[in-house]
Amino acid sequence: MPVDLDALVNVAVLDQFAVPATYQPLVSLPGAPAFSIQGVFDADHEIVLEEVAASEMKAAGHSTTVPVIGVRTADLGLTPKQGDRVTVAGVVHQIRDIHPDGDGWVDLILQRRR
């Protein structure tokens, strides 16, 4: 019998670490209203820049820190798109990249809107 990681792990992670946020589907559902979500937010998540990771250079590469919110895919009710917005603690962020894990979780790589 397959293991349901979403039910066993993702729900437990949200129960312990989730913060409230607002999702505004500007690109994924234009004209639809914003809605409340919960996610695990990290204001300084370290990522390796994809253009470096994808290159065949033998250089050490580099990374940067960006805000990221991880959410259950089922809680979104839509496929997130670049350009949608997420507000956390009153700060508006735009989605720059989407990293699903294949087990019901997605990390939304954000960029703070100025």
N, C-alpha and C. Protein backbone atom coordinates (compact mmCIF):
# COMPACT_ATOMS: atom_id res chain seq x y z
N MET A 1 0.84 -1.17 0.00
CA MET A 1 0.00 0.00 0.00
C MET A 1 0.89 1.24 0.00
N PRO A 2 0.62 2.20 -0.90
CA PRO A 2 1.44 3.42 -0.95
C PRO A 2 1.25 4.29 0.30
N VAL A 3 2.30 4.99 0.65
CA VAL A 3 2.28 5.88 1.80
C VAL A 3 1.83 7.27 1.34
N ASP A 4 0.89 7.85 2.04
CA ASP A 4 0.38 9.18 1.72
C ASP A 4 1.20 10.21 2.51
N LEU A 5 2.31 10.66 1.90
CA LEU A 5 3.19 11.62 2.57
C LEU A 5 2.50 12.94 2.85
N ASP A 6 1.57 13.33 1.99
CA ASP A 6 0.86 14.57 2.21
C ASP A 6 0.11 14.52 3.53
N ALA A 7 -0.63 13.44 3.75
CA ALA A 7 -1.42 13.31 4.98
C ALA A 7 -0.53 13.09 6.20
N LEU A 8 0.54 12.31 6.05
CA LEU A 8 1.38 11.98 7.19
C LEU A 8 2.38 13.06 7.56
N VAL A 9 2.95 13.72 6.56
CA VAL A 9 4.04 14.65 6.83
C VAL A 9 3.61 16.11 6.64
N ASN A 10 3.07 16.42 5.48
CA ASN A 10 2.78 17.83 5.17
C ASN A 10 1.79 18.45 6.15
N VAL A 11 0.76 17.72 6.52
CA VAL A 11 -0.23 18.24 7.46
C VAL A 11 0.43 18.48 8.82
N ALA A 12 1.27 17.54 9.26
CA ALA A 12 1.96 17.70 10.55
C ALA A 12 2.92 18.89 10.54
N VAL A 13 3.62 19.08 9.43
CA VAL A 13 4.53 20.23 9.32
C VAL A 13 3.74 21.54 9.45
N LEU A 14 2.63 21.64 8.75
CA LEU A 14 1.82 22.86 8.84
C LEU A 14 1.28 23.06 10.25
N ASP A 15 0.86 21.98 10.89
CA ASP A 15 0.34 22.10 12.27
C ASP A 15 1.37 22.72 13.20
N GLN A 16 2.64 22.46 12.97
CA GLN A 16 3.69 22.94 13.86
C GLN A 16 4.28 24.29 13.46
N PHE A 17 4.39 24.55 12.16
CA PHE A 17 5.20 25.68 11.71
C PHE A 17 4.48 26.70 10.83
N ALA A 18 3.22 26.51 10.53
CA ALA A 18 2.52 27.37 9.57
C ALA A 18 2.28 28.78 10.10
N VAL A 19 2.34 29.72 9.19
CA VAL A 19 1.95 31.10 9.45
C VAL A 19 0.83 31.44 8.46
N PRO A 20 -0.04 32.37 8.83
CA PRO A 20 -1.09 32.77 7.89
C PRO A 20 -0.52 33.63 6.78
N ALA A 21 -1.12 33.50 5.61
CA ALA A 21 -0.71 34.29 4.44
C ALA A 21 -1.94 34.50 3.56
N THR A 22 -1.79 35.39 2.60
CA THR A 22 -2.84 35.64 1.61
C THR A 22 -2.28 35.39 0.23
N TYR A 23 -3.02 34.63 -0.58
CA TYR A 23 -2.60 34.31 -1.94
C TYR A 23 -3.46 35.10 -2.91
N GLN A 24 -2.81 35.82 -3.81
CA GLN A 24 -3.53 36.60 -4.83
C GLN A 24 -3.19 36.01 -6.19
N PRO A 25 -4.14 35.31 -6.83
CA PRO A 25 -3.87 34.60 -8.08
C PRO A 25 -3.94 35.49 -9.33
N LEU A 26 -3.06 36.46 -9.42
CA LEU A 26 -3.11 37.43 -10.52
C LEU A 26 -2.92 36.79 -11.89
N VAL A 27 -2.07 35.76 -11.97
CA VAL A 27 -1.77 35.11 -13.25
C VAL A 27 -2.52 33.78 -13.37
N SER A 28 -2.55 33.01 -12.28
CA SER A 28 -3.16 31.68 -12.34
C SER A 28 -4.68 31.74 -12.51
N LEU A 29 -5.32 32.72 -11.89
CA LEU A 29 -6.77 32.92 -12.05
C LEU A 29 -7.08 34.42 -12.09
N PRO A 30 -6.77 35.08 -13.21
CA PRO A 30 -6.98 36.54 -13.27
C PRO A 30 -8.41 36.92 -12.91
N GLY A 31 -8.53 37.94 -12.08
CA GLY A 31 -9.84 38.43 -11.68
C GLY A 31 -10.41 37.73 -10.45
N ALA A 32 -9.82 36.61 -10.05
CA ALA A 32 -10.31 35.90 -8.86
C ALA A 32 -9.85 36.65 -7.61
N PRO A 33 -10.62 36.56 -6.53
CA PRO A 33 -10.24 37.25 -5.31
C PRO A 33 -9.07 36.56 -4.60
N ALA A 34 -8.38 37.33 -3.79
CA ALA A 34 -7.33 36.77 -2.94
C ALA A 34 -7.97 35.85 -1.90
N PHE A 35 -7.20 34.89 -1.38
CA PHE A 35 -7.73 33.97 -0.38
C PHE A 35 -6.65 33.63 0.64
N SER A 36 -7.09 33.19 1.81
CA SER A 36 -6.17 32.87 2.90
C SER A 36 -5.56 31.48 2.70
N ILE A 37 -4.27 31.38 3.03
CA ILE A 37 -3.56 30.11 3.03
C ILE A 37 -2.71 30.05 4.30
N GLN A 38 -2.13 28.89 4.54
CA GLN A 38 -1.13 28.72 5.58
C GLN A 38 0.10 28.12 4.94
N GLY A 39 1.26 28.53 5.41
CA GLY A 39 2.49 27.98 4.85
C GLY A 39 3.64 28.14 5.81
N VAL A 40 4.71 27.45 5.50
CA VAL A 40 5.94 27.55 6.27
C VAL A 40 6.80 28.59 5.58
N PHE A 41 7.00 29.72 6.24
CA PHE A 41 7.70 30.85 5.64
C PHE A 41 9.13 30.93 6.15
N ASP A 42 10.04 31.17 5.24
CA ASP A 42 11.46 31.38 5.57
C ASP A 42 11.90 32.62 4.82
N ALA A 43 12.19 33.69 5.54
CA ALA A 43 12.56 34.96 4.92
C ALA A 43 13.95 34.91 4.29
N ASP A 44 14.79 34.00 4.73
CA ASP A 44 16.18 33.93 4.25
C ASP A 44 16.56 32.51 3.84
N HIS A 45 15.80 31.93 2.95
CA HIS A 45 16.06 30.57 2.48
C HIS A 45 17.22 30.60 1.47
N GLU A 46 18.18 29.73 1.63
CA GLU A 46 19.33 29.71 0.72
C GLU A 46 19.03 28.81 -0.48
N ILE A 47 19.26 29.35 -1.67
CA ILE A 47 19.08 28.56 -2.90
C ILE A 47 20.33 28.70 -3.76
N VAL A 48 20.60 27.65 -4.53
CA VAL A 48 21.67 27.70 -5.53
C VAL A 48 21.03 28.22 -6.80
N LEU A 49 21.64 29.24 -7.38
CA LEU A 49 21.07 29.83 -8.59
C LEU A 49 21.09 28.80 -9.72
N GLU A 50 19.94 28.61 -10.36
CA GLU A 50 19.78 27.54 -11.34
C GLU A 50 20.72 27.67 -12.53
N GLU A 51 20.98 28.88 -12.96
CA GLU A 51 21.86 29.02 -14.12
C GLU A 51 23.26 28.52 -13.81
N VAL A 52 23.67 28.59 -12.54
CA VAL A 52 24.98 28.07 -12.15
C VAL A 52 24.90 26.56 -12.01
N ALA A 53 23.86 26.08 -11.36
CA ALA A 53 23.72 24.64 -11.14
C ALA A 53 23.57 23.89 -12.46
N ALA A 54 22.95 24.50 -13.45
CA ALA A 54 22.72 23.84 -14.74
C ALA A 54 23.94 23.91 -15.65
N SER A 55 24.87 24.78 -15.34
CA SER A 55 26.03 24.93 -16.22
C SER A 55 26.98 23.75 -16.06
N GLU A 56 27.86 23.59 -17.01
CA GLU A 56 28.85 22.53 -16.93
C GLU A 56 30.19 23.06 -16.45
N MET A 57 30.18 24.26 -15.92
CA MET A 57 31.41 24.84 -15.41
C MET A 57 31.83 24.07 -14.16
N LYS A 58 33.10 23.99 -13.94
CA LYS A 58 33.59 23.29 -12.76
C LYS A 58 33.85 24.27 -11.63
N ALA A 59 33.24 25.45 -11.72
CA ALA A 59 33.38 26.46 -10.68
C ALA A 59 32.54 26.07 -9.46
N ALA A 60 32.82 26.69 -8.36
CA ALA A 60 32.10 26.39 -7.12
C ALA A 60 30.64 26.84 -7.19
N GLY A 61 30.32 27.75 -8.08
CA GLY A 61 28.95 28.26 -8.17
C GLY A 61 28.68 29.24 -7.06
N HIS A 62 27.44 29.67 -6.95
CA HIS A 62 27.09 30.58 -5.87
C HIS A 62 25.62 30.42 -5.51
N SER A 63 25.29 30.91 -4.35
CA SER A 63 23.92 30.84 -3.89
C SER A 63 23.50 32.22 -3.39
N THR A 64 22.23 32.33 -3.08
CA THR A 64 21.70 33.57 -2.55
C THR A 64 20.59 33.22 -1.57
N THR A 65 20.12 34.18 -0.83
CA THR A 65 18.99 33.94 0.05
C THR A 65 17.77 34.70 -0.49
N VAL A 66 16.65 34.03 -0.42
CA VAL A 66 15.39 34.59 -0.90
C VAL A 66 14.28 34.17 0.06
N PRO A 67 13.17 34.92 0.09
CA PRO A 67 12.03 34.46 0.87
C PRO A 67 11.33 33.30 0.14
N VAL A 68 10.90 32.31 0.93
CA VAL A 68 10.21 31.14 0.38
C VAL A 68 9.06 30.79 1.31
N ILE A 69 7.94 30.39 0.73
CA ILE A 69 6.86 29.83 1.52
C ILE A 69 6.52 28.46 0.95
N GLY A 70 6.46 27.47 1.84
CA GLY A 70 6.08 26.12 1.45
C GLY A 70 4.63 25.89 1.84
N VAL A 71 3.86 25.34 0.90
CA VAL A 71 2.43 25.12 1.14
C VAL A 71 2.02 23.75 0.60
N ARG A 72 0.91 23.24 1.13
CA ARG A 72 0.32 22.02 0.57
C ARG A 72 -0.35 22.37 -0.75
N THR A 73 -0.09 21.60 -1.76
CA THR A 73 -0.70 21.82 -3.07
C THR A 73 -2.22 21.77 -2.96
N ALA A 74 -2.74 20.85 -2.15
CA ALA A 74 -4.19 20.70 -2.01
C ALA A 74 -4.83 21.94 -1.39
N ASP A 75 -4.10 22.65 -0.55
CA ASP A 75 -4.64 23.85 0.09
C ASP A 75 -4.77 25.02 -0.88
N LEU A 76 -3.98 25.01 -1.95
CA LEU A 76 -4.05 26.10 -2.92
C LEU A 76 -5.29 26.01 -3.80
N GLY A 77 -5.64 24.82 -4.23
CA GLY A 77 -6.79 24.66 -5.11
C GLY A 77 -6.56 25.18 -6.51
N LEU A 78 -5.29 25.45 -6.85
CA LEU A 78 -4.93 25.93 -8.19
C LEU A 78 -3.47 25.60 -8.42
N THR A 79 -3.04 25.77 -9.65
CA THR A 79 -1.62 25.61 -9.97
C THR A 79 -0.97 26.98 -9.87
N PRO A 80 -0.05 27.16 -8.93
CA PRO A 80 0.58 28.49 -8.78
C PRO A 80 1.36 28.87 -10.03
N LYS A 81 1.39 30.15 -10.30
CA LYS A 81 2.10 30.67 -11.48
C LYS A 81 3.02 31.81 -11.08
N GLN A 82 4.11 31.97 -11.85
CA GLN A 82 4.97 33.12 -11.66
C GLN A 82 4.14 34.38 -11.88
N GLY A 83 4.30 35.34 -10.98
CA GLY A 83 3.54 36.57 -11.08
C GLY A 83 2.38 36.66 -10.10
N ASP A 84 1.92 35.50 -9.58
CA ASP A 84 0.94 35.54 -8.50
C ASP A 84 1.62 36.18 -7.29
N ARG A 85 0.84 36.60 -6.32
CA ARG A 85 1.41 37.28 -5.15
C ARG A 85 1.02 36.56 -3.86
N VAL A 86 1.91 36.64 -2.90
CA VAL A 86 1.68 36.08 -1.57
C VAL A 86 2.04 37.16 -0.56
N THR A 87 1.14 37.44 0.37
CA THR A 87 1.39 38.42 1.43
C THR A 87 1.58 37.67 2.74
N VAL A 88 2.72 37.93 3.39
CA VAL A 88 3.04 37.32 4.68
C VAL A 88 3.39 38.44 5.64
N ALA A 89 2.72 38.48 6.78
CA ALA A 89 2.97 39.49 7.82
C ALA A 89 2.95 40.91 7.25
N GLY A 90 2.01 41.15 6.32
CA GLY A 90 1.85 42.48 5.75
C GLY A 90 2.81 42.83 4.63
N VAL A 91 3.72 41.92 4.30
CA VAL A 91 4.70 42.17 3.23
C VAL A 91 4.26 41.41 1.98
N VAL A 92 4.15 42.14 0.87
CA VAL A 92 3.72 41.56 -0.40
C VAL A 92 4.93 41.03 -1.16
N HIS A 93 4.81 39.78 -1.61
CA HIS A 93 5.86 39.13 -2.41
C HIS A 93 5.25 38.65 -3.72
N GLN A 94 6.08 38.63 -4.75
CA GLN A 94 5.67 38.07 -6.04
C GLN A 94 6.35 36.73 -6.21
N ILE A 95 5.63 35.76 -6.77
CA ILE A 95 6.22 34.44 -7.00
C ILE A 95 7.18 34.52 -8.18
N ARG A 96 8.42 34.12 -7.93
CA ARG A 96 9.47 34.09 -8.96
C ARG A 96 9.64 32.71 -9.56
N ASP A 97 9.47 31.67 -8.73
CA ASP A 97 9.68 30.31 -9.20
C ASP A 97 8.85 29.36 -8.34
N ILE A 98 8.57 28.19 -8.89
CA ILE A 98 7.72 27.21 -8.23
C ILE A 98 8.46 25.87 -8.20
N HIS A 99 8.61 25.29 -6.99
CA HIS A 99 9.34 24.03 -6.84
C HIS A 99 8.46 22.99 -6.15
N PRO A 100 7.65 22.23 -6.91
CA PRO A 100 6.86 21.17 -6.29
C PRO A 100 7.76 19.99 -5.93
N ASP A 101 7.39 19.25 -4.86
CA ASP A 101 8.20 18.10 -4.46
C ASP A 101 7.65 16.77 -4.97
N GLY A 102 6.46 16.79 -5.59
CA GLY A 102 5.87 15.57 -6.11
C GLY A 102 5.07 14.79 -5.08
N ASP A 103 5.06 15.24 -3.82
CA ASP A 103 4.33 14.56 -2.75
C ASP A 103 3.35 15.49 -2.07
N GLY A 104 2.81 16.46 -2.82
CA GLY A 104 1.76 17.31 -2.28
C GLY A 104 2.26 18.59 -1.63
N TRP A 105 3.52 18.92 -1.81
CA TRP A 105 4.09 20.14 -1.22
C TRP A 105 4.72 20.95 -2.34
N VAL A 106 4.66 22.27 -2.22
CA VAL A 106 5.31 23.13 -3.20
C VAL A 106 5.98 24.29 -2.47
N ASP A 107 7.23 24.55 -2.83
CA ASP A 107 7.93 25.73 -2.34
C ASP A 107 7.78 26.84 -3.37
N LEU A 108 7.27 27.97 -2.92
CA LEU A 108 7.11 29.13 -3.78
C LEU A 108 8.26 30.08 -3.49
N ILE A 109 9.13 30.26 -4.48
CA ILE A 109 10.27 31.15 -4.34
C ILE A 109 9.75 32.56 -4.60
N LEU A 110 9.97 33.44 -3.64
CA LEU A 110 9.35 34.77 -3.68
C LEU A 110 10.36 35.87 -3.90
N GLN A 111 9.85 37.01 -4.28
CA GLN A 111 10.63 38.25 -4.38
C GLN A 111 9.78 39.34 -3.75
N ARG A 112 10.36 40.02 -2.79
CA ARG A 112 9.64 41.09 -2.11
C ARG A 112 9.32 42.20 -3.09
N ARG A 113 8.07 42.65 -3.10
CA ARG A 113 7.66 43.76 -3.95
C ARG A 113 8.01 45.06 -3.27
N ARG A 114 8.53 45.98 -4.01
CA ARG A 114 8.93 47.28 -3.44
C ARG A 114 7.90 48.33 -3.75
